[in-house]
């Protein structure tokens, strides 16, 4: 089966696309998807250990099934904040 995977943040940058097409044998799992994506890009393969995969808008573990036509998203870890942000809180040791 052919599925489309939506990519975000670093994953999108590493593969140079917002959506990639992946061919998987049926029945397929999230683990199968990860193996396929890792084979495309070594850096992405390392990053996949800390990414979340959503199948039909629900976070899925490696054993989750992927059915034809499923909505798949790869969500890498995200951090926030800014180095320009300055805390105005004061702490006391007493």
N, C-alpha and C. Protein backbone atom coordinates (compact mmCIF):
# COMPACT_ATOMS: atom_id res chain seq x y z
N UNK A 1 0.84 -1.18 0.00
CA UNK A 1 0.00 0.00 0.00
C UNK A 1 0.88 1.23 0.00
N UNK A 2 0.36 2.31 -0.53
CA UNK A 2 1.05 3.59 -0.58
C UNK A 2 0.36 4.52 0.43
N UNK A 3 1.15 5.11 1.31
CA UNK A 3 0.59 6.07 2.26
C UNK A 3 1.38 7.37 2.19
N UNK A 4 0.74 8.44 2.61
CA UNK A 4 1.40 9.73 2.71
C UNK A 4 1.64 10.02 4.18
N UNK A 5 2.82 10.55 4.46
CA UNK A 5 3.20 10.90 5.83
C UNK A 5 3.47 12.39 5.87
N UNK A 6 2.76 13.09 6.74
CA UNK A 6 3.00 14.52 6.93
C UNK A 6 4.17 14.70 7.90
N UNK A 7 5.08 15.58 7.55
CA UNK A 7 6.28 15.83 8.35
C UNK A 7 6.25 17.23 8.94
N UNK A 8 6.85 17.37 10.10
CA UNK A 8 6.90 18.66 10.77
C UNK A 8 8.31 18.94 11.26
N UNK A 9 8.62 20.21 11.45
CA UNK A 9 9.86 20.70 12.06
C UNK A 9 11.10 20.04 11.45
N UNK A 10 11.99 19.48 12.29
CA UNK A 10 13.26 18.92 11.81
C UNK A 10 13.07 17.79 10.80
N UNK A 11 12.04 16.97 10.97
CA UNK A 11 11.80 15.88 10.03
C UNK A 11 11.53 16.45 8.64
N UNK A 12 10.76 17.49 8.59
CA UNK A 12 10.45 18.16 7.32
C UNK A 12 11.72 18.71 6.68
N UNK A 13 12.59 19.30 7.49
CA UNK A 13 13.83 19.86 6.97
C UNK A 13 14.78 18.76 6.49
N UNK A 14 14.87 17.67 7.23
CA UNK A 14 15.80 16.59 6.86
C UNK A 14 15.41 15.93 5.55
N UNK A 15 14.12 15.79 5.29
CA UNK A 15 13.69 15.15 4.05
C UNK A 15 13.36 16.17 2.95
N UNK A 16 13.34 17.44 3.30
CA UNK A 16 13.12 18.48 2.30
C UNK A 16 11.72 18.50 1.72
N UNK A 17 10.75 18.03 2.49
CA UNK A 17 9.36 17.99 2.02
C UNK A 17 8.41 17.99 3.20
N UNK A 18 7.22 18.50 2.99
CA UNK A 18 6.19 18.50 4.03
C UNK A 18 5.42 17.18 4.06
N UNK A 19 5.42 16.49 2.92
CA UNK A 19 4.72 15.20 2.81
C UNK A 19 5.60 14.26 2.01
N UNK A 20 5.74 13.03 2.50
CA UNK A 20 6.46 12.00 1.74
C UNK A 20 5.53 10.81 1.53
N UNK A 21 5.75 10.12 0.44
CA UNK A 21 4.99 8.92 0.11
C UNK A 21 5.84 7.72 0.47
N UNK A 22 5.21 6.75 1.15
CA UNK A 22 5.91 5.55 1.58
C UNK A 22 5.11 4.34 1.12
N UNK A 23 5.82 3.34 0.61
CA UNK A 23 5.18 2.09 0.23
C UNK A 23 5.44 1.06 1.32
N UNK A 24 4.36 0.48 1.85
CA UNK A 24 4.45 -0.53 2.90
C UNK A 24 3.68 -1.77 2.48
N UNK A 25 4.17 -2.92 2.91
CA UNK A 25 3.42 -4.16 2.69
C UNK A 25 2.30 -4.26 3.72
N UNK A 26 1.18 -4.82 3.31
CA UNK A 26 0.08 -5.04 4.25
C UNK A 26 0.20 -6.42 4.86
N UNK A 27 -0.13 -6.60 6.13
CA UNK A 27 -0.50 -5.55 7.09
C UNK A 27 0.75 -4.79 7.54
N UNK A 28 0.59 -3.51 7.80
CA UNK A 28 1.71 -2.66 8.19
C UNK A 28 1.50 -2.11 9.59
N UNK A 29 2.62 -1.84 10.26
CA UNK A 29 2.59 -1.24 11.59
C UNK A 29 3.42 0.04 11.59
N UNK A 30 3.35 0.78 12.67
CA UNK A 30 4.15 1.98 12.84
C UNK A 30 5.64 1.62 12.78
N UNK A 31 6.02 0.47 13.34
CA UNK A 31 7.43 0.04 13.28
C UNK A 31 7.87 -0.14 11.82
N UNK A 32 7.01 -0.70 10.98
CA UNK A 32 7.33 -0.84 9.56
C UNK A 32 7.55 0.52 8.92
N UNK A 33 6.70 1.47 9.25
CA UNK A 33 6.81 2.83 8.72
C UNK A 33 8.14 3.45 9.14
N UNK A 34 8.50 3.30 10.41
CA UNK A 34 9.75 3.87 10.90
C UNK A 34 10.95 3.27 10.17
N UNK A 35 10.94 1.96 9.95
CA UNK A 35 12.05 1.33 9.22
C UNK A 35 12.16 1.89 7.81
N UNK A 36 11.02 2.08 7.16
CA UNK A 36 11.03 2.62 5.80
C UNK A 36 11.57 4.04 5.78
N UNK A 37 11.13 4.87 6.71
CA UNK A 37 11.61 6.25 6.76
C UNK A 37 13.10 6.31 7.09
N UNK A 38 13.55 5.46 8.01
CA UNK A 38 14.96 5.45 8.41
C UNK A 38 15.86 5.06 7.23
N UNK A 39 15.35 4.20 6.35
CA UNK A 39 16.15 3.77 5.21
C UNK A 39 16.35 4.92 4.19
N UNK A 40 15.50 5.93 4.25
CA UNK A 40 15.61 7.08 3.34
C UNK A 40 16.65 8.08 3.77
N UNK A 41 16.85 8.21 5.09
CA UNK A 41 17.71 9.28 5.59
C UNK A 41 18.28 8.86 6.94
N UNK A 42 19.61 8.72 7.02
CA UNK A 42 20.27 8.24 8.24
C UNK A 42 19.98 9.15 9.44
N UNK A 43 20.08 10.46 9.24
CA UNK A 43 19.81 11.39 10.34
C UNK A 43 18.38 11.27 10.84
N UNK A 44 17.44 11.15 9.92
CA UNK A 44 16.04 10.98 10.31
C UNK A 44 15.88 9.67 11.07
N UNK A 45 16.57 8.63 10.63
CA UNK A 45 16.51 7.34 11.32
C UNK A 45 16.90 7.45 12.78
N UNK A 46 17.95 8.21 13.07
CA UNK A 46 18.35 8.41 14.47
C UNK A 46 17.32 9.22 15.24
N UNK A 47 16.74 10.20 14.58
CA UNK A 47 15.76 11.08 15.22
C UNK A 47 14.45 10.35 15.52
N UNK A 48 14.13 9.32 14.75
CA UNK A 48 12.84 8.62 14.91
C UNK A 48 12.64 8.05 16.31
N UNK A 49 13.75 7.75 17.01
CA UNK A 49 13.63 7.20 18.37
C UNK A 49 12.89 8.16 19.31
N UNK A 50 12.97 9.44 19.04
CA UNK A 50 12.32 10.41 19.92
C UNK A 50 11.11 11.10 19.29
N UNK A 51 10.70 10.63 18.11
CA UNK A 51 9.54 11.21 17.44
C UNK A 51 8.26 10.50 17.85
N UNK A 52 7.16 11.19 17.71
CA UNK A 52 5.84 10.60 17.87
C UNK A 52 5.25 10.38 16.49
N UNK A 53 4.50 9.30 16.35
CA UNK A 53 3.77 9.03 15.12
C UNK A 53 2.29 9.08 15.48
N UNK A 54 1.53 9.82 14.70
CA UNK A 54 0.08 9.86 14.88
C UNK A 54 -0.56 9.13 13.70
N UNK A 55 -1.49 8.25 14.02
CA UNK A 55 -2.26 7.53 13.01
C UNK A 55 -3.71 7.93 13.20
N UNK A 56 -4.29 8.54 12.18
CA UNK A 56 -5.65 9.03 12.25
C UNK A 56 -5.88 9.90 13.49
N UNK A 57 -4.94 10.84 13.67
CA UNK A 57 -4.99 11.87 14.72
C UNK A 57 -4.91 11.33 16.14
N UNK A 58 -4.36 10.11 16.30
CA UNK A 58 -4.13 9.53 17.63
C UNK A 58 -2.68 9.08 17.69
N UNK A 59 -1.97 9.43 18.78
CA UNK A 59 -0.61 8.96 18.93
C UNK A 59 -0.61 7.44 18.95
N UNK A 60 0.38 6.85 18.28
CA UNK A 60 0.41 5.40 18.12
C UNK A 60 1.77 4.84 18.51
N UNK A 61 1.77 3.65 19.12
CA UNK A 61 3.03 2.99 19.44
C UNK A 61 3.48 2.16 18.23
N UNK A 62 4.63 1.52 18.35
CA UNK A 62 5.20 0.77 17.23
C UNK A 62 4.34 -0.39 16.75
N UNK A 63 3.46 -0.88 17.59
CA UNK A 63 2.63 -2.04 17.24
C UNK A 63 1.30 -1.66 16.59
N UNK A 64 1.01 -0.37 16.54
CA UNK A 64 -0.26 0.08 15.97
C UNK A 64 -0.32 -0.23 14.47
N UNK A 65 -1.48 -0.64 14.02
CA UNK A 65 -1.70 -0.95 12.61
C UNK A 65 -1.87 0.31 11.79
N UNK A 66 -1.42 0.24 10.56
CA UNK A 66 -1.64 1.31 9.60
C UNK A 66 -2.46 0.72 8.46
N UNK A 67 -3.62 1.27 8.27
CA UNK A 67 -4.53 0.79 7.22
C UNK A 67 -4.44 1.70 5.99
N UNK A 68 -4.77 1.19 4.82
CA UNK A 68 -4.76 2.04 3.63
C UNK A 68 -5.61 3.30 3.84
N UNK A 69 -5.07 4.42 3.41
CA UNK A 69 -5.79 5.68 3.54
C UNK A 69 -5.66 6.35 4.89
N UNK A 70 -4.87 5.76 5.81
CA UNK A 70 -4.72 6.35 7.15
C UNK A 70 -4.05 7.71 7.05
N UNK A 71 -4.41 8.59 7.97
CA UNK A 71 -3.79 9.91 8.09
C UNK A 71 -2.60 9.76 9.03
N UNK A 72 -1.39 9.92 8.50
CA UNK A 72 -0.17 9.68 9.27
C UNK A 72 0.61 10.98 9.41
N UNK A 73 1.09 11.24 10.62
CA UNK A 73 1.94 12.42 10.87
C UNK A 73 3.14 12.00 11.70
N UNK A 74 4.30 12.52 11.35
CA UNK A 74 5.52 12.29 12.11
C UNK A 74 5.85 13.59 12.84
N UNK A 75 5.87 13.51 14.17
CA UNK A 75 6.02 14.71 14.98
C UNK A 75 7.31 14.61 15.80
N UNK A 76 8.33 15.36 15.42
CA UNK A 76 9.59 15.33 16.17
C UNK A 76 9.46 16.09 17.48
N UNK A 77 10.43 15.88 18.40
CA UNK A 77 10.40 16.64 19.64
C UNK A 77 10.49 18.13 19.35
N UNK A 78 9.81 18.90 20.14
CA UNK A 78 9.78 20.35 19.95
C UNK A 78 10.16 21.00 21.27
N UNK A 79 10.93 22.06 21.18
CA UNK A 79 11.26 22.82 22.38
C UNK A 79 10.78 24.25 22.17
N UNK A 80 10.59 24.94 23.25
CA UNK A 80 10.10 26.31 23.15
C UNK A 80 11.01 27.26 23.89
N UNK A 81 10.55 28.46 23.98
CA UNK A 81 11.31 29.46 24.71
C UNK A 81 12.21 30.25 23.80
N UNK A 82 12.89 31.17 24.37
CA UNK A 82 13.79 32.03 23.62
C UNK A 82 14.96 32.40 24.50
N UNK A 83 16.14 32.48 23.90
CA UNK A 83 17.30 32.88 24.69
C UNK A 83 17.22 34.35 25.08
N UNK A 84 16.34 35.11 24.44
CA UNK A 84 16.19 36.52 24.77
C UNK A 84 15.26 36.72 25.98
N UNK A 85 14.53 35.66 26.35
CA UNK A 85 13.62 35.76 27.48
C UNK A 85 14.43 35.86 28.76
N UNK A 86 14.05 36.78 29.62
CA UNK A 86 14.75 36.96 30.87
C UNK A 86 13.78 36.83 32.02
N UNK A 87 14.14 36.03 32.97
CA UNK A 87 13.28 35.82 34.13
C UNK A 87 13.40 37.02 35.08
N UNK A 88 12.28 37.45 35.60
CA UNK A 88 12.29 38.54 36.59
C UNK A 88 12.07 38.00 38.00
N UNK A 89 11.94 36.68 38.13
CA UNK A 89 11.74 36.08 39.45
C UNK A 89 13.04 36.14 40.25
N UNK A 90 12.88 36.30 41.55
CA UNK A 90 14.05 36.27 42.44
C UNK A 90 13.87 35.12 43.39
N UNK A 91 14.98 34.46 43.65
CA UNK A 91 14.94 33.30 44.54
C UNK A 91 15.73 33.63 45.81
N UNK A 92 15.27 33.11 46.91
CA UNK A 92 15.93 33.33 48.18
C UNK A 92 16.35 31.98 48.77
N UNK A 93 17.49 31.93 49.39
CA UNK A 93 17.95 30.69 50.01
C UNK A 93 17.40 30.55 51.42
N UNK A 94 16.75 31.55 51.95
CA UNK A 94 16.23 31.49 53.32
C UNK A 94 14.91 30.80 53.39
